[in-house]
C-alpha cells in the first residue's frame, strides 16, 4: 500500500461519522456515505481498508509503531475513550 493510500485510510479511521457508519450505521449515515462515495469513488479502496481495520478484518497496513500508537490514540479519543497504552 502506498503512502497516499495509508494517509487516506488514517483519515477515515479518525472520522467520527465514518467510524459510526461502520460500527453502528443508521439511515442518515448510510445515505451520507453513499453520496460521498458516489462523488469520490477513488476513495472507496481506502474506505474499505479502514472499514476492515475497524472491524478487525484487515490483513495488512504499512505503518510504523509511532503511527500505530498515534492512530490508536486518535481512534480512542474520537470514540470518547481515554487512551490506554
PDB file of N, CA and C in Angstrom:
ATOM      1  N   UNK A   1       0.855  -1.170   0.000  1.00  0.00           N
ATOM      2  CA  UNK A   1       0.000   0.000   0.000  1.00  0.00           C
ATOM      3  C   UNK A   1       0.898   1.230   0.000  1.00  0.00           C
ATOM      4  N   UNK A   2       0.552   2.230  -0.812  1.00  0.00           N
ATOM      5  CA  UNK A   2       1.411   3.401  -0.864  1.00  0.00           C
ATOM      6  C   UNK A   2       1.076   4.413   0.222  1.00  0.00           C
ATOM      7  N   UNK A   3       1.923   5.409   0.346  1.00  0.00           N
ATOM      8  CA  UNK A   3       1.786   6.410   1.416  1.00  0.00           C
ATOM      9  C   UNK A   3       0.472   7.168   1.301  1.00  0.00           C
ATOM     10  N   UNK A   4       0.067   7.505   0.075  1.00  0.00           N
ATOM     11  CA  UNK A   4      -1.172   8.243  -0.127  1.00  0.00           C
ATOM     12  C   UNK A   4      -2.378   7.439   0.358  1.00  0.00           C
ATOM     13  N   UNK A   5      -2.401   6.155   0.041  1.00  0.00           N
ATOM     14  CA  UNK A   5      -3.496   5.289   0.498  1.00  0.00           C
ATOM     15  C   UNK A   5      -3.475   5.175   2.015  1.00  0.00           C
ATOM     16  N   UNK A   6      -2.289   5.000   2.599  1.00  0.00           N
ATOM     17  CA  UNK A   6      -2.190   4.926   4.063  1.00  0.00           C
ATOM     18  C   UNK A   6      -2.757   6.185   4.710  1.00  0.00           C
ATOM     19  N   UNK A   7      -2.441   7.345   4.151  1.00  0.00           N
ATOM     20  CA  UNK A   7      -2.935   8.606   4.712  1.00  0.00           C
ATOM     21  C   UNK A   7      -4.458   8.656   4.605  1.00  0.00           C
ATOM     22  N   UNK A   8      -4.997   8.227   3.467  1.00  0.00           N
ATOM     23  CA  UNK A   8      -6.449   8.221   3.287  1.00  0.00           C
ATOM     24  C   UNK A   8      -7.114   7.265   4.274  1.00  0.00           C
ATOM     25  N   UNK A   9      -6.530   6.099   4.467  1.00  0.00           N
ATOM     26  CA  UNK A   9      -7.053   5.131   5.435  1.00  0.00           C
ATOM     27  C   UNK A   9      -7.056   5.751   6.828  1.00  0.00           C
ATOM     28  N   UNK A  10      -5.961   6.377   7.205  1.00  0.00           N
ATOM     29  CA  UNK A  10      -5.864   7.002   8.522  1.00  0.00           C
ATOM     30  C   UNK A  10      -6.905   8.094   8.700  1.00  0.00           C
ATOM     31  N   UNK A  11      -7.156   8.861   7.648  1.00  0.00           N
ATOM     32  CA  UNK A  11      -8.170   9.922   7.738  1.00  0.00           C
ATOM     33  C   UNK A  11      -9.558   9.334   7.993  1.00  0.00           C
ATOM     34  N   UNK A  12      -9.876   8.217   7.354  1.00  0.00           N
ATOM     35  CA  UNK A  12     -11.158   7.566   7.629  1.00  0.00           C
ATOM     36  C   UNK A  12     -11.210   7.036   9.065  1.00  0.00           C
ATOM     37  N   UNK A  13     -10.095   6.532   9.557  1.00  0.00           N
ATOM     38  CA  UNK A  13     -10.064   5.929  10.895  1.00  0.00           C
ATOM     39  C   UNK A  13     -10.249   6.929  12.028  1.00  0.00           C
ATOM     40  N   UNK A  14     -10.092   8.197  11.766  1.00  0.00           N
ATOM     41  CA  UNK A  14     -10.302   9.203  12.809  1.00  0.00           C
ATOM     42  C   UNK A  14     -11.522  10.073  12.526  1.00  0.00           C
ATOM     43  N   UNK A  15     -12.313   9.691  11.546  1.00  0.00           N
ATOM     44  CA  UNK A  15     -13.528  10.420  11.196  1.00  0.00           C
ATOM     45  C   UNK A  15     -14.698   9.823  11.983  1.00  0.00           C
ATOM     46  N   UNK A  16     -15.257  10.605  12.899  1.00  0.00           N
ATOM     47  CA  UNK A  16     -16.343  10.114  13.757  1.00  0.00           C
ATOM     48  C   UNK A  16     -17.523   9.573  12.954  1.00  0.00           C
ATOM     49  N   UNK A  17     -17.912  10.287  11.911  1.00  0.00           N
ATOM     50  CA  UNK A  17     -19.042   9.832  11.102  1.00  0.00           C
ATOM     51  C   UNK A  17     -18.736   8.496  10.423  1.00  0.00           C
ATOM     52  N   UNK A  18     -17.516   8.354   9.920  1.00  0.00           N
ATOM     53  CA  UNK A  18     -17.152   7.100   9.272  1.00  0.00           C
ATOM     54  C   UNK A  18     -17.124   5.955  10.292  1.00  0.00           C
ATOM     55  N   UNK A  19     -16.537   6.208  11.450  1.00  0.00           N
ATOM     56  CA  UNK A  19     -16.490   5.176  12.498  1.00  0.00           C
ATOM     57  C   UNK A  19     -17.905   4.736  12.865  1.00  0.00           C
ATOM     58  N   UNK A  20     -18.793   5.703  13.083  1.00  0.00           N
ATOM     59  CA  UNK A  20     -20.183   5.362  13.414  1.00  0.00           C
ATOM     60  C   UNK A  20     -20.873   4.643  12.268  1.00  0.00           C
ATOM     61  N   UNK A  21     -20.583   5.041  11.032  1.00  0.00           N
ATOM     62  CA  UNK A  21     -21.145   4.385   9.852  1.00  0.00           C
ATOM     63  C   UNK A  21     -20.752   2.906   9.805  1.00  0.00           C
ATOM     64  N   UNK A  22     -19.515   2.619  10.173  1.00  0.00           N
ATOM     65  CA  UNK A  22     -19.035   1.233  10.146  1.00  0.00           C
ATOM     66  C   UNK A  22     -19.546   0.450  11.355  1.00  0.00           C
ATOM     67  N   UNK A  23     -19.434   1.035  12.535  1.00  0.00           N
ATOM     68  CA  UNK A  23     -19.743   0.321  13.778  1.00  0.00           C
ATOM     69  C   UNK A  23     -21.244   0.220  14.039  1.00  0.00           C
ATOM     70  N   UNK A  24     -21.970   1.315  13.887  1.00  0.00           N
ATOM     71  CA  UNK A  24     -23.419   1.286  14.130  1.00  0.00           C
ATOM     72  C   UNK A  24     -24.115   2.214  13.129  1.00  0.00           C
ATOM     73  N   UNK A  25     -24.246   1.741  11.901  1.00  0.00           N
ATOM     74  CA  UNK A  25     -24.834   2.575  10.845  1.00  0.00           C
ATOM     75  C   UNK A  25     -26.309   2.873  11.092  1.00  0.00           C
ATOM     76  N   UNK A  26     -26.726   4.028  10.628  1.00  0.00           N
ATOM     77  CA  UNK A  26     -28.147   4.380  10.624  1.00  0.00           C
ATOM     78  C   UNK A  26     -28.477   4.944   9.250  1.00  0.00           C
ATOM     79  N   UNK A  27     -29.735   5.201   9.002  1.00  0.00           N
ATOM     80  CA  UNK A  27     -30.166   5.640   7.684  1.00  0.00           C
ATOM     81  C   UNK A  27     -29.432   6.897   7.228  1.00  0.00           C
ATOM     82  N   UNK A  28     -29.288   7.866   8.105  1.00  0.00           N
ATOM     83  CA  UNK A  28     -28.635   9.131   7.752  1.00  0.00           C
ATOM     84  C   UNK A  28     -27.184   8.892   7.360  1.00  0.00           C
ATOM     85  N   UNK A  29     -26.448   8.122   8.162  1.00  0.00           N
ATOM     86  CA  UNK A  29     -25.045   7.852   7.843  1.00  0.00           C
ATOM     87  C   UNK A  29     -24.896   7.034   6.565  1.00  0.00           C
ATOM     88  N   UNK A  30     -25.769   6.077   6.363  1.00  0.00           N
ATOM     89  CA  UNK A  30     -25.704   5.266   5.145  1.00  0.00           C
ATOM     90  C   UNK A  30     -25.885   6.153   3.914  1.00  0.00           C
ATOM     91  N   UNK A  31     -26.859   7.038   3.957  1.00  0.00           N
ATOM     92  CA  UNK A  31     -27.096   7.946   2.833  1.00  0.00           C
ATOM     93  C   UNK A  31     -25.949   8.929   2.655  1.00  0.00           C
ATOM     94  N   UNK A  32     -25.424   9.452   3.749  1.00  0.00           N
ATOM     95  CA  UNK A  32     -24.304  10.396   3.689  1.00  0.00           C
ATOM     96  C   UNK A  32     -23.096   9.766   3.006  1.00  0.00           C
ATOM     97  N   UNK A  33     -22.736   8.561   3.420  1.00  0.00           N
ATOM     98  CA  UNK A  33     -21.555   7.892   2.856  1.00  0.00           C
ATOM     99  C   UNK A  33     -21.826   7.358   1.453  1.00  0.00           C
ATOM    100  N   UNK A  34     -23.054   6.960   1.168  1.00  0.00           N
ATOM    101  CA  UNK A  34     -23.397   6.557  -0.197  1.00  0.00           C
ATOM    102  C   UNK A  34     -23.168   7.727  -1.150  1.00  0.00           C
ATOM    103  N   UNK A  35     -23.672   8.905  -0.785  1.00  0.00           N
ATOM    104  CA  UNK A  35     -23.473  10.105  -1.602  1.00  0.00           C
ATOM    105  C   UNK A  35     -21.993  10.459  -1.705  1.00  0.00           C
ATOM    106  N   UNK A  36     -21.285  10.363  -0.589  1.00  0.00           N
ATOM    107  CA  UNK A  36     -19.862  10.690  -0.579  1.00  0.00           C
ATOM    108  C   UNK A  36     -19.093   9.812  -1.562  1.00  0.00           C
ATOM    109  N   UNK A  37     -19.330   8.509  -1.511  1.00  0.00           N
ATOM    110  CA  UNK A  37     -18.587   7.591  -2.372  1.00  0.00           C
ATOM    111  C   UNK A  37     -19.021   7.675  -3.836  1.00  0.00           C
ATOM    112  N   UNK A  38     -20.256   8.078  -4.087  1.00  0.00           N
ATOM    113  CA  UNK A  38     -20.663   8.329  -5.470  1.00  0.00           C
ATOM    114  C   UNK A  38     -19.885   9.505  -6.051  1.00  0.00           C
ATOM    115  N   UNK A  39     -19.584  10.497  -5.207  1.00  0.00           N
ATOM    116  CA  UNK A  39     -18.832  11.672  -5.638  1.00  0.00           C
ATOM    117  C   UNK A  39     -17.330  11.480  -5.565  1.00  0.00           C
ATOM    118  N   UNK A  40     -16.860  10.501  -4.788  1.00  0.00           N
ATOM    119  CA  UNK A  40     -15.428  10.250  -4.596  1.00  0.00           C
ATOM    120  C   UNK A  40     -15.115   8.755  -4.699  1.00  0.00           C
ATOM    121  N   UNK A  41     -15.376   8.159  -5.859  1.00  0.00           N
ATOM    122  CA  UNK A  41     -15.140   6.713  -5.985  1.00  0.00           C
ATOM    123  C   UNK A  41     -13.672   6.331  -5.807  1.00  0.00           C
ATOM    124  N   UNK A  42     -12.762   7.273  -5.985  1.00  0.00           N
ATOM    125  CA  UNK A  42     -11.338   6.989  -5.810  1.00  0.00           C
ATOM    126  C   UNK A  42     -10.976   6.696  -4.357  1.00  0.00           C
ATOM    127  N   UNK A  43     -11.871   7.007  -3.426  1.00  0.00           N
ATOM    128  CA  UNK A  43     -11.595   6.774  -2.001  1.00  0.00           C
ATOM    129  C   UNK A  43     -12.214   5.477  -1.474  1.00  0.00           C
ATOM    130  N   UNK A  44     -12.911   4.757  -2.328  1.00  0.00           N
ATOM    131  CA  UNK A  44     -13.582   3.531  -1.877  1.00  0.00           C
ATOM    132  C   UNK A  44     -12.579   2.496  -1.374  1.00  0.00           C
ATOM    133  N   UNK A  45     -11.460   2.320  -2.071  1.00  0.00           N
ATOM    134  CA  UNK A  45     -10.469   1.344  -1.634  1.00  0.00           C
ATOM    135  C   UNK A  45      -9.955   1.674  -0.231  1.00  0.00           C
ATOM    136  N   UNK A  46      -9.601   2.935   0.003  1.00  0.00           N
ATOM    137  CA  UNK A  46      -9.097   3.348   1.322  1.00  0.00           C
ATOM    138  C   UNK A  46     -10.171   3.176   2.386  1.00  0.00           C
ATOM    139  N   UNK A  47     -11.416   3.508   2.047  1.00  0.00           N
ATOM    140  CA  UNK A  47     -12.516   3.359   2.997  1.00  0.00           C
ATOM    141  C   UNK A  47     -12.751   1.892   3.340  1.00  0.00           C
ATOM    142  N   UNK A  48     -12.668   1.030   2.334  1.00  0.00           N
ATOM    143  CA  UNK A  48     -12.830  -0.403   2.599  1.00  0.00           C
ATOM    144  C   UNK A  48     -11.727  -0.932   3.509  1.00  0.00           C
ATOM    145  N   UNK A  49     -10.507  -0.469   3.290  1.00  0.00           N
ATOM    146  CA  UNK A  49      -9.399  -0.893   4.160  1.00  0.00           C
ATOM    147  C   UNK A  49      -9.617  -0.390   5.586  1.00  0.00           C
ATOM    148  N   UNK A  50     -10.052   0.870   5.719  1.00  0.00           N
ATOM    149  CA  UNK A  50     -10.334   1.427   7.048  1.00  0.00           C
ATOM    150  C   UNK A  50     -11.460   0.648   7.721  1.00  0.00           C
ATOM    151  N   UNK A  51     -12.480   0.317   6.961  1.00  0.00           N
ATOM    152  CA  UNK A  51     -13.595  -0.478   7.495  1.00  0.00           C
ATOM    153  C   UNK A  51     -13.095  -1.831   7.997  1.00  0.00           C
ATOM    154  N   UNK A  52     -12.241  -2.477   7.213  1.00  0.00           N
ATOM    155  CA  UNK A  52     -11.682  -3.768   7.629  1.00  0.00           C
ATOM    156  C   UNK A  52     -10.859  -3.643   8.901  1.00  0.00           C
ATOM    157  N   UNK A  53     -10.127  -2.548   9.037  1.00  0.00           N
ATOM    158  CA  UNK A  53      -9.344  -2.319  10.255  1.00  0.00           C
ATOM    159  C   UNK A  53     -10.273  -2.158  11.450  1.00  0.00           C
ATOM    160  N   UNK A  54     -11.297  -1.336  11.298  1.00  0.00           N
ATOM    161  CA  UNK A  54     -12.235  -1.099  12.401  1.00  0.00           C
ATOM    162  C   UNK A  54     -12.967  -2.373  12.812  1.00  0.00           C
ATOM    163  N   UNK A  55     -13.213  -3.235  11.847  1.00  0.00           N
ATOM    164  CA  UNK A  55     -13.922  -4.489  12.139  1.00  0.00           C
ATOM    165  C   UNK A  55     -12.975  -5.638  12.487  1.00  0.00           C
ATOM    166  N   UNK A  56     -11.667  -5.338  12.527  1.00  0.00           N
ATOM    167  CA  UNK A  56     -10.680  -6.362  12.874  1.00  0.00           C
ATOM    168  C   UNK A  56     -10.441  -7.366  11.773  1.00  0.00           C
ATOM    169  N   UNK A  57     -10.714  -6.988  10.528  1.00  0.00           N
ATOM    170  CA  UNK A  57     -10.589  -7.918   9.409  1.00  0.00           C
ATOM    171  C   UNK A  57      -9.411  -7.593   8.495  1.00  0.00           C
ATOM    172  N   UNK A  58      -8.665  -6.555   8.810  1.00  0.00           N
ATOM    173  CA  UNK A  58      -7.557  -6.152   7.941  1.00  0.00           C
ATOM    174  C   UNK A  58      -6.391  -7.117   8.083  1.00  0.00           C
ATOM    175  N   UNK A  59      -5.768  -7.403   6.960  1.00  0.00           N
ATOM    176  CA  UNK A  59      -4.621  -8.294   6.980  1.00  0.00           C
ATOM    177  C   UNK A  59      -3.305  -7.537   6.886  1.00  0.00           C
ATOM    178  N   UNK A  60      -3.355  -6.293   6.388  1.00  0.00           N
ATOM    179  CA  UNK A  60      -2.089  -5.610   6.158  1.00  0.00           C
ATOM    180  C   UNK A  60      -2.285  -4.106   6.029  1.00  0.00           C
ATOM    181  N   UNK A  61      -1.465  -3.362   6.717  1.00  0.00           N
ATOM    182  CA  UNK A  61      -1.352  -1.919   6.518  1.00  0.00           C
ATOM    183  C   UNK A  61       0.066  -1.539   6.909  1.00  0.00           C
ATOM    184  N   UNK A  62       0.697  -0.714   6.104  1.00  0.00           N
ATOM    185  CA  UNK A  62       2.078  -0.321   6.348  1.00  0.00           C
ATOM    186  C   UNK A  62       2.124   0.910   7.251  1.00  0.00           C
ATOM    187  N   UNK A  63       2.442   0.690   8.517  1.00  0.00           N
ATOM    188  CA  UNK A  63       2.565   1.789   9.470  1.00  0.00           C
ATOM    189  C   UNK A  63       3.675   1.430  10.446  1.00  0.00           C
ATOM    190  N   UNK A  64       4.421   2.463  10.854  1.00  0.00           N
ATOM    191  CA  UNK A  64       5.429   2.208  11.875  1.00  0.00           C
ATOM    192  C   UNK A  64       4.768   2.288  13.249  1.00  0.00           C
ATOM    193  N   UNK A  65       5.490   1.923  14.288  1.00  0.00           N
ATOM    194  CA  UNK A  65       4.918   1.839  15.634  1.00  0.00           C
ATOM    195  C   UNK A  65       4.404   3.191  16.134  1.00  0.00           C
ATOM    196  N   UNK A  66       5.094   4.274  15.792  1.00  0.00           N
ATOM    197  CA  UNK A  66       4.624   5.597  16.205  1.00  0.00           C
ATOM    198  C   UNK A  66       3.301   5.957  15.534  1.00  0.00           C
ATOM    199  N   UNK A  67       3.170   5.631  14.237  1.00  0.00           N
ATOM    200  CA  UNK A  67       1.917   5.894  13.526  1.00  0.00           C
ATOM    201  C   UNK A  67       0.785   5.047  14.096  1.00  0.00           C
ATOM    202  N   UNK A  68       1.084   3.806  14.430  1.00  0.00           N
ATOM    203  CA  UNK A  68       0.072   2.927  15.017  1.00  0.00           C
ATOM    204  C   UNK A  68      -0.403   3.474  16.359  1.00  0.00           C
ATOM    205  N   UNK A  69       0.530   3.887  17.206  1.00  0.00           N
ATOM    206  CA  UNK A  69       0.162   4.425  18.515  1.00  0.00           C
ATOM    207  C   UNK A  69      -0.622   5.719  18.395  1.00  0.00           C
ATOM    208  N   UNK A  70      -0.217   6.577  17.451  1.00  0.00           N
ATOM    209  CA  UNK A  70      -0.932   7.830  17.243  1.00  0.00           C
ATOM    210  C   UNK A  70      -2.348   7.573  16.733  1.00  0.00           C
ATOM    211  N   UNK A  71      -2.475   6.639  15.810  1.00  0.00           N
ATOM    212  CA  UNK A  71      -3.778   6.293  15.273  1.00  0.00           C
ATOM    213  C   UNK A  71      -4.664   5.672  16.348  1.00  0.00           C
ATOM    214  N   UNK A  72      -4.103   4.795  17.140  1.00  0.00           N
ATOM    215  CA  UNK A  72      -4.842   4.171  18.240  1.00  0.00           C
ATOM    216  C   UNK A  72      -5.365   5.238  19.200  1.00  0.00           C
ATOM    217  N   UNK A  73      -4.498   6.165  19.544  1.00  0.00           N
ATOM    218  CA  UNK A  73      -4.879   7.253  20.437  1.00  0.00           C
ATOM    219  C   UNK A  73      -6.009   8.081  19.820  1.00  0.00           C
ATOM    220  N   UNK A  74      -5.886   8.437  18.544  1.00  0.00           N
ATOM    221  CA  UNK A  74      -6.899   9.254  17.874  1.00  0.00           C
ATOM    222  C   UNK A  74      -8.239   8.545  17.813  1.00  0.00           C
ATOM    223  N   UNK A  75      -8.226   7.252  17.511  1.00  0.00           N
ATOM    224  CA  UNK A  75      -9.469   6.495  17.444  1.00  0.00           C
ATOM    225  C   UNK A  75     -10.143   6.448  18.802  1.00  0.00           C
ATOM    226  N   UNK A  76      -9.375   6.149  19.830  1.00  0.00           N
ATOM    227  CA  UNK A  76      -9.948   6.078  21.177  1.00  0.00           C
ATOM    228  C   UNK A  76     -10.515   7.419  21.626  1.00  0.00           C
ATOM    229  N   UNK A  77      -9.792   8.505  21.361  1.00  0.00           N
ATOM    230  CA  UNK A  77     -10.273   9.836  21.735  1.00  0.00           C
ATOM    231  C   UNK A  77     -11.539  10.174  20.961  1.00  0.00           C
ATOM    232  N   UNK A  78     -11.552   9.898  19.648  1.00  0.00           N
ATOM    233  CA  UNK A  78     -12.724  10.198  18.831  1.00  0.00           C
ATOM    234  C   UNK A  78     -13.925   9.346  19.199  1.00  0.00           C
ATOM    235  N   UNK A  79     -13.684   8.195  19.779  1.00  0.00           N
ATOM    236  CA  UNK A  79     -14.786   7.332  20.232  1.00  0.00           C
ATOM    237  C   UNK A  79     -15.219   7.656  21.657  1.00  0.00           C
ATOM    238  N   UNK A  80     -14.540   8.606  22.282  1.00  0.00           N
ATOM    239  CA  UNK A  80     -14.906   9.013  23.637  1.00  0.00           C
ATOM    240  C   UNK A  80     -14.242   8.223  24.737  1.00  0.00           C
ATOM    241  N   UNK A  81     -13.201   7.493  24.416  1.00  0.00           N
ATOM    242  CA  UNK A  81     -12.467   6.706  25.407  1.00  0.00           C
ATOM    243  C   UNK A  81     -11.125   7.364  25.686  1.00  0.00           C
ATOM    244  N   UNK A  82     -10.579   7.081  26.829  1.00  0.00           N
ATOM    245  CA  UNK A  82      -9.228   7.512  27.129  1.00  0.00           C
ATOM    246  C   UNK A  82      -8.256   6.501  26.552  1.00  0.00           C
ATOM    247  N   UNK A  83      -7.130   6.981  26.075  1.00  0.00           N
ATOM    248  CA  UNK A  83      -6.108   6.101  25.506  1.00  0.00           C
ATOM    249  C   UNK A  83      -5.414   5.323  26.612  1.00  0.00           C
ATOM    250  N   UNK A  84      -5.247   4.020  26.382  1.00  0.00           N
ATOM    251  CA  UNK A  84      -4.528   3.163  27.312  1.00  0.00           C
ATOM    252  C   UNK A  84      -3.391   2.510  26.540  1.00  0.00           C
ATOM    253  N   UNK A  85      -2.165   2.844  26.848  1.00  0.00           N
ATOM    254  CA  UNK A  85      -1.010   2.266  26.141  1.00  0.00           C
ATOM    255  C   UNK A  85      -0.419   1.124  26.904  1.00  0.00           C
TER     256      UNK A  85
END
